[in-house]
Amino acid sequence: MSEADRYRLKPVADARAREERVKRADLAAAAGGARASQAQVDAALQRVDEARARLATARTAQRTLAATGTTSTMLARAEQFIVRARRDLDEAIDAHTRAEASHRGQLVAVDAARGRLARARADKEVIERHFARWRTERKRLSERRED
C-alpha cells in the first residue's frame, strides 16, 4: 500500500476511539458512585425512621408512667430519654440531609459524564463518517483507474 493510500486521520480516529472508551468508563464510575450514594441516602432514611420510632416509644412510655403514677425520678429519667431521642433524631435528619445533598452532587456528576460521553461519541462519529467518505472516494478512484 502506497503512502497515498493510507488514511491520514487514522491516528485521530484511534485517539477518538480511546477517548470514547475513557468517557464510557468515567460514566460507569459516576453511575457506580450514584448507586453508592443512593444506598447511603436509603440507609440514612432508615436511621431517621428508627429514631422517630424510638422517640414515639419514649413519649408513649412517659405518658404511661405519668398516667399510672410514678416517682418524679422516673419521670425525670423518661424526660432525659426523650431529650436524647430528640437529639438522635435531629442528628439522623442532619445526616440524611447531607447524604441527599451528596447524592444530588453525584447525579450532577453522572449528567456531566453523560454529556462528555455524548461529545466524545459525536467527535468519533465525525471521523468515522470522514473515513467512510474517504474509503468511498478511494474505491471510486480505483474503479475509474480500472476503466
C-alpha atoms as a PDB file:
ATOM      1  CA  MET A   1       0.000   0.000   0.000  1.00  0.00           C
ATOM      2  CA  SER A   2       1.445   3.328  -1.000  1.00  0.00           C
ATOM      3  CA  GLU A   3       1.668   6.412   1.181  1.00  0.00           C
ATOM      4  CA  ALA A   4      -1.250   7.974  -0.723  1.00  0.00           C
ATOM      5  CA  ASP A   5      -3.493   5.005   0.049  1.00  0.00           C
ATOM      6  CA  ARG A   6      -3.125   5.359   3.808  1.00  0.00           C
ATOM      7  CA  TYR A   7      -5.815   7.216   5.709  1.00  0.00           C
ATOM      8  CA  ARG A   8      -4.130  10.308   7.112  1.00  0.00           C
ATOM      9  CA  LEU A   9      -6.532  10.738  10.019  1.00  0.00           C
ATOM     10  CA  LYS A  10      -6.076   7.197  11.363  1.00  0.00           C
ATOM     11  CA  PRO A  11      -4.202   8.451  14.472  1.00  0.00           C
ATOM     12  CA  VAL A  12      -7.027  10.911  15.127  1.00  0.00           C
ATOM     13  CA  ALA A  13      -9.605   8.147  14.707  1.00  0.00           C
ATOM     14  CA  ASP A  14      -7.684   5.970  17.172  1.00  0.00           C
ATOM     15  CA  ALA A  15      -7.478   8.835  19.658  1.00  0.00           C
ATOM     16  CA  ARG A  16     -11.216   9.493  19.360  1.00  0.00           C
ATOM     17  CA  ALA A  17     -11.989   5.808  19.920  1.00  0.00           C
ATOM     18  CA  ARG A  18      -9.752   5.791  23.013  1.00  0.00           C
ATOM     19  CA  GLU A  19     -11.395   8.958  24.270  1.00  0.00           C
ATOM     20  CA  GLU A  20     -14.834   7.386  23.902  1.00  0.00           C
ATOM     21  CA  ARG A  21     -13.739   4.324  25.898  1.00  0.00           C
ATOM     22  CA  VAL A  22     -12.339   6.565  28.640  1.00  0.00           C
ATOM     23  CA  LYS A  23     -15.515   8.647  28.778  1.00  0.00           C
ATOM     24  CA  ARG A  24     -17.618   5.469  28.914  1.00  0.00           C
ATOM     25  CA  ALA A  25     -15.524   4.294  31.870  1.00  0.00           C
ATOM     26  CA  ASP A  26     -15.949   7.712  33.525  1.00  0.00           C
ATOM     27  CA  LEU A  27     -19.713   7.434  33.136  1.00  0.00           C
ATOM     28  CA  ALA A  28     -19.689   3.935  34.605  1.00  0.00           C
ATOM     29  CA  ALA A  29     -17.678   5.173  37.585  1.00  0.00           C
ATOM     30  CA  ALA A  30     -20.039   8.102  38.107  1.00  0.00           C
ATOM     31  CA  ALA A  31     -23.057   5.801  37.878  1.00  0.00           C
ATOM     32  CA  GLY A  32     -21.468   3.467  40.423  1.00  0.00           C
ATOM     33  CA  GLY A  33     -20.896   6.416  42.713  1.00  0.00           C
ATOM     34  CA  ALA A  34     -24.527   7.440  42.291  1.00  0.00           C
ATOM     35  CA  ARG A  35     -25.701   3.957  43.239  1.00  0.00           C
ATOM     36  CA  ALA A  36     -23.467   4.030  46.318  1.00  0.00           C
ATOM     37  CA  SER A  37     -24.690   7.474  47.348  1.00  0.00           C
ATOM     38  CA  GLN A  38     -28.303   6.336  46.856  1.00  0.00           C
ATOM     39  CA  ALA A  39     -27.605   3.440  49.212  1.00  0.00           C
ATOM     40  CA  GLN A  40     -26.252   5.927  51.750  1.00  0.00           C
ATOM     41  CA  VAL A  41     -29.400   8.043  51.413  1.00  0.00           C
ATOM     42  CA  ASP A  42     -31.568   4.970  51.921  1.00  0.00           C
ATOM     43  CA  ALA A  43     -29.576   3.933  54.997  1.00  0.00           C
ATOM     44  CA  ALA A  44     -29.798   7.454  56.441  1.00  0.00           C
ATOM     45  CA  LEU A  45     -33.551   7.485  55.854  1.00  0.00           C
ATOM     46  CA  GLN A  46     -33.811   4.152  57.652  1.00  0.00           C
ATOM     47  CA  ARG A  47     -31.936   5.648  60.624  1.00  0.00           C
ATOM     48  CA  VAL A  48     -34.335   8.617  60.641  1.00  0.00           C
ATOM     49  CA  ASP A  49     -37.328   6.270  60.698  1.00  0.00           C
ATOM     50  CA  GLU A  50     -35.787   4.258  63.540  1.00  0.00           C
ATOM     51  CA  ALA A  51     -35.037   7.432  65.529  1.00  0.00           C
ATOM     52  CA  ARG A  52     -38.627   8.636  65.036  1.00  0.00           C
ATOM     53  CA  ALA A  53     -39.926   5.287  66.248  1.00  0.00           C
ATOM     54  CA  ARG A  54     -37.670   5.455  69.342  1.00  0.00           C
ATOM     55  CA  LEU A  55     -38.910   8.969  70.102  1.00  0.00           C
ATOM     56  CA  ALA A  56     -42.538   7.912  69.724  1.00  0.00           C
ATOM     57  CA  THR A  57     -41.928   4.933  72.007  1.00  0.00           C
ATOM     58  CA  ALA A  58     -40.248   7.149  74.584  1.00  0.00           C
ATOM     59  CA  ARG A  59     -43.137   9.607  74.556  1.00  0.00           C
ATOM     60  CA  THR A  60     -45.639   6.793  74.905  1.00  0.00           C
ATOM     61  CA  ALA A  61     -43.661   5.339  77.815  1.00  0.00           C
ATOM     62  CA  GLN A  62     -43.533   8.745  79.541  1.00  0.00           C
ATOM     63  CA  ARG A  63     -47.284   9.197  79.179  1.00  0.00           C
ATOM     64  CA  THR A  64     -47.855   5.720  80.549  1.00  0.00           C
ATOM     65  CA  LEU A  65     -45.607   6.467  83.542  1.00  0.00           C
ATOM     66  CA  ALA A  66     -47.400   9.745  84.207  1.00  0.00           C
ATOM     67  CA  ALA A  67     -50.838   8.096  83.901  1.00  0.00           C
ATOM     68  CA  THR A  68     -50.018   5.224  86.227  1.00  0.00           C
ATOM     69  CA  GLY A  69     -48.450   7.434  88.833  1.00  0.00           C
ATOM     70  CA  THR A  70     -44.742   7.044  89.385  1.00  0.00           C
ATOM     71  CA  THR A  71     -41.896   8.809  91.113  1.00  0.00           C
ATOM     72  CA  SER A  72     -40.539  12.113  89.937  1.00  0.00           C
ATOM     73  CA  THR A  73     -37.168  10.455  89.404  1.00  0.00           C
ATOM     74  CA  MET A  74     -38.664   8.037  86.885  1.00  0.00           C
ATOM     75  CA  LEU A  75     -40.424  10.909  85.108  1.00  0.00           C
ATOM     76  CA  ALA A  76     -37.172  12.886  85.004  1.00  0.00           C
ATOM     77  CA  ARG A  77     -35.338   9.882  83.534  1.00  0.00           C
ATOM     78  CA  ALA A  78     -38.089   9.436  80.979  1.00  0.00           C
ATOM     79  CA  GLU A  79     -37.769  13.112  80.043  1.00  0.00           C
ATOM     80  CA  GLN A  80     -33.991  12.724  79.701  1.00  0.00           C
ATOM     81  CA  PHE A  81     -34.536   9.745  77.436  1.00  0.00           C
ATOM     82  CA  ILE A  82     -36.913  11.807  75.290  1.00  0.00           C
ATOM     83  CA  VAL A  83     -34.346  14.619  75.065  1.00  0.00           C
ATOM     84  CA  ARG A  84     -31.709  12.086  73.996  1.00  0.00           C
ATOM     85  CA  ALA A  85     -34.117  10.552  71.447  1.00  0.00           C
ATOM     86  CA  ARG A  86     -34.862  14.022  70.011  1.00  0.00           C
ATOM     87  CA  ARG A  87     -31.141  14.731  69.736  1.00  0.00           C
ATOM     88  CA  ASP A  88     -30.602  11.389  67.964  1.00  0.00           C
ATOM     89  CA  LEU A  89     -33.470  12.194  65.616  1.00  0.00           C
ATOM     90  CA  ASP A  90     -32.011  15.621  64.823  1.00  0.00           C
ATOM     91  CA  GLU A  91     -28.612  14.033  64.110  1.00  0.00           C
ATOM     92  CA  ALA A  92     -30.216  11.394  61.903  1.00  0.00           C
ATOM     93  CA  ILE A  93     -32.153  14.036  59.967  1.00  0.00           C
ATOM     94  CA  ASP A  94     -28.965  16.071  59.546  1.00  0.00           C
ATOM     95  CA  ALA A  95     -27.068  13.004  58.280  1.00  0.00           C
ATOM     96  CA  HIS A  96     -29.917  12.243  55.869  1.00  0.00           C
ATOM     97  CA  THR A  97     -29.881  15.817  54.556  1.00  0.00           C
ATOM     98  CA  ARG A  98     -26.121  15.637  53.985  1.00  0.00           C
ATOM     99  CA  ALA A  99     -26.454  12.265  52.248  1.00  0.00           C
ATOM    100  CA  GLU A 100     -29.170  13.653  49.955  1.00  0.00           C
ATOM    101  CA  ALA A 101     -27.008  16.660  49.078  1.00  0.00           C
ATOM    102  CA  SER A 102     -24.083  14.376  48.313  1.00  0.00           C
ATOM    103  CA  HIS A 103     -26.332  12.206  46.150  1.00  0.00           C
ATOM    104  CA  ARG A 104     -27.603  15.230  44.222  1.00  0.00           C
ATOM    105  CA  GLY A 105     -23.979  16.189  43.578  1.00  0.00           C
ATOM    106  CA  GLN A 106     -23.281  12.673  42.341  1.00  0.00           C
ATOM    107  CA  LEU A 107     -26.273  12.859  39.999  1.00  0.00           C
ATOM    108  CA  VAL A 108     -24.870  16.097  38.593  1.00  0.00           C
ATOM    109  CA  ALA A 109     -21.570  14.269  38.018  1.00  0.00           C
ATOM    110  CA  VAL A 110     -23.437  11.490  36.166  1.00  0.00           C
ATOM    111  CA  ASP A 111     -25.176  14.039  33.939  1.00  0.00           C
ATOM    112  CA  ALA A 112     -21.846  15.746  33.212  1.00  0.00           C
ATOM    113  CA  ALA A 113     -20.242  12.399  32.384  1.00  0.00           C
ATOM    114  CA  ARG A 114     -23.136  11.607  30.030  1.00  0.00           C
ATOM    115  CA  GLY A 115     -22.576  14.906  28.264  1.00  0.00           C
ATOM    116  CA  ARG A 116     -18.842  14.271  27.911  1.00  0.00           C
ATOM    117  CA  LEU A 117     -19.536  10.780  26.555  1.00  0.00           C
ATOM    118  CA  ALA A 118     -22.047  12.159  24.052  1.00  0.00           C
ATOM    119  CA  ARG A 119     -19.451  14.702  22.917  1.00  0.00           C
ATOM    120  CA  ALA A 120     -16.773  12.014  22.571  1.00  0.00           C
ATOM    121  CA  ARG A 121     -19.142   9.830  20.563  1.00  0.00           C
ATOM    122  CA  ALA A 122     -20.026  12.744  18.304  1.00  0.00           C
ATOM    123  CA  ASP A 123     -16.344  13.500  17.723  1.00  0.00           C
ATOM    124  CA  LYS A 124     -15.718   9.844  16.906  1.00  0.00           C
ATOM    125  CA  GLU A 125     -18.700   9.814  14.557  1.00  0.00           C
ATOM    126  CA  VAL A 126     -17.296  12.777  12.615  1.00  0.00           C
ATOM    127  CA  ILE A 127     -14.047  10.921  11.994  1.00  0.00           C
ATOM    128  CA  GLU A 128     -15.872   7.683  11.122  1.00  0.00           C
ATOM    129  CA  ARG A 129     -18.016   9.483   8.563  1.00  0.00           C
ATOM    130  CA  HIS A 130     -14.952  11.137   7.109  1.00  0.00           C
ATOM    131  CA  PHE A 131     -13.233   7.752   6.906  1.00  0.00           C
ATOM    132  CA  ALA A 132     -16.283   6.240   5.181  1.00  0.00           C
ATOM    133  CA  ARG A 133     -16.276   9.070   2.622  1.00  0.00           C
ATOM    134  CA  TRP A 134     -12.541   8.615   2.139  1.00  0.00           C
ATOM    135  CA  ARG A 135     -12.969   4.859   1.516  1.00  0.00           C
ATOM    136  CA  THR A 136     -15.787   5.554  -0.953  1.00  0.00           C
ATOM    137  CA  GLU A 137     -13.637   8.088  -2.777  1.00  0.00           C
ATOM    138  CA  ARG A 138     -10.688   5.661  -2.849  1.00  0.00           C
ATOM    139  CA  LYS A 139     -12.974   2.958  -4.257  1.00  0.00           C
ATOM    140  CA  ARG A 140     -14.365   5.281  -6.944  1.00  0.00           C
ATOM    141  CA  LEU A 141     -10.870   6.389  -7.848  1.00  0.00           C
ATOM    142  CA  SER A 142      -9.669   2.806  -8.197  1.00  0.00           C
ATOM    143  CA  GLU A 143     -12.745   1.925 -10.326  1.00  0.00           C
ATOM    144  CA  ARG A 144     -12.011   4.887 -12.592  1.00  0.00           C
ATOM    145  CA  ARG A 145      -8.427   3.748 -12.944  1.00  0.00           C
ATOM    146  CA  GLU A 146      -9.594   0.254 -13.935  1.00  0.00           C
ATOM    147  CA  ASP A 147     -11.886   1.668 -16.649  1.00  0.00           C
END
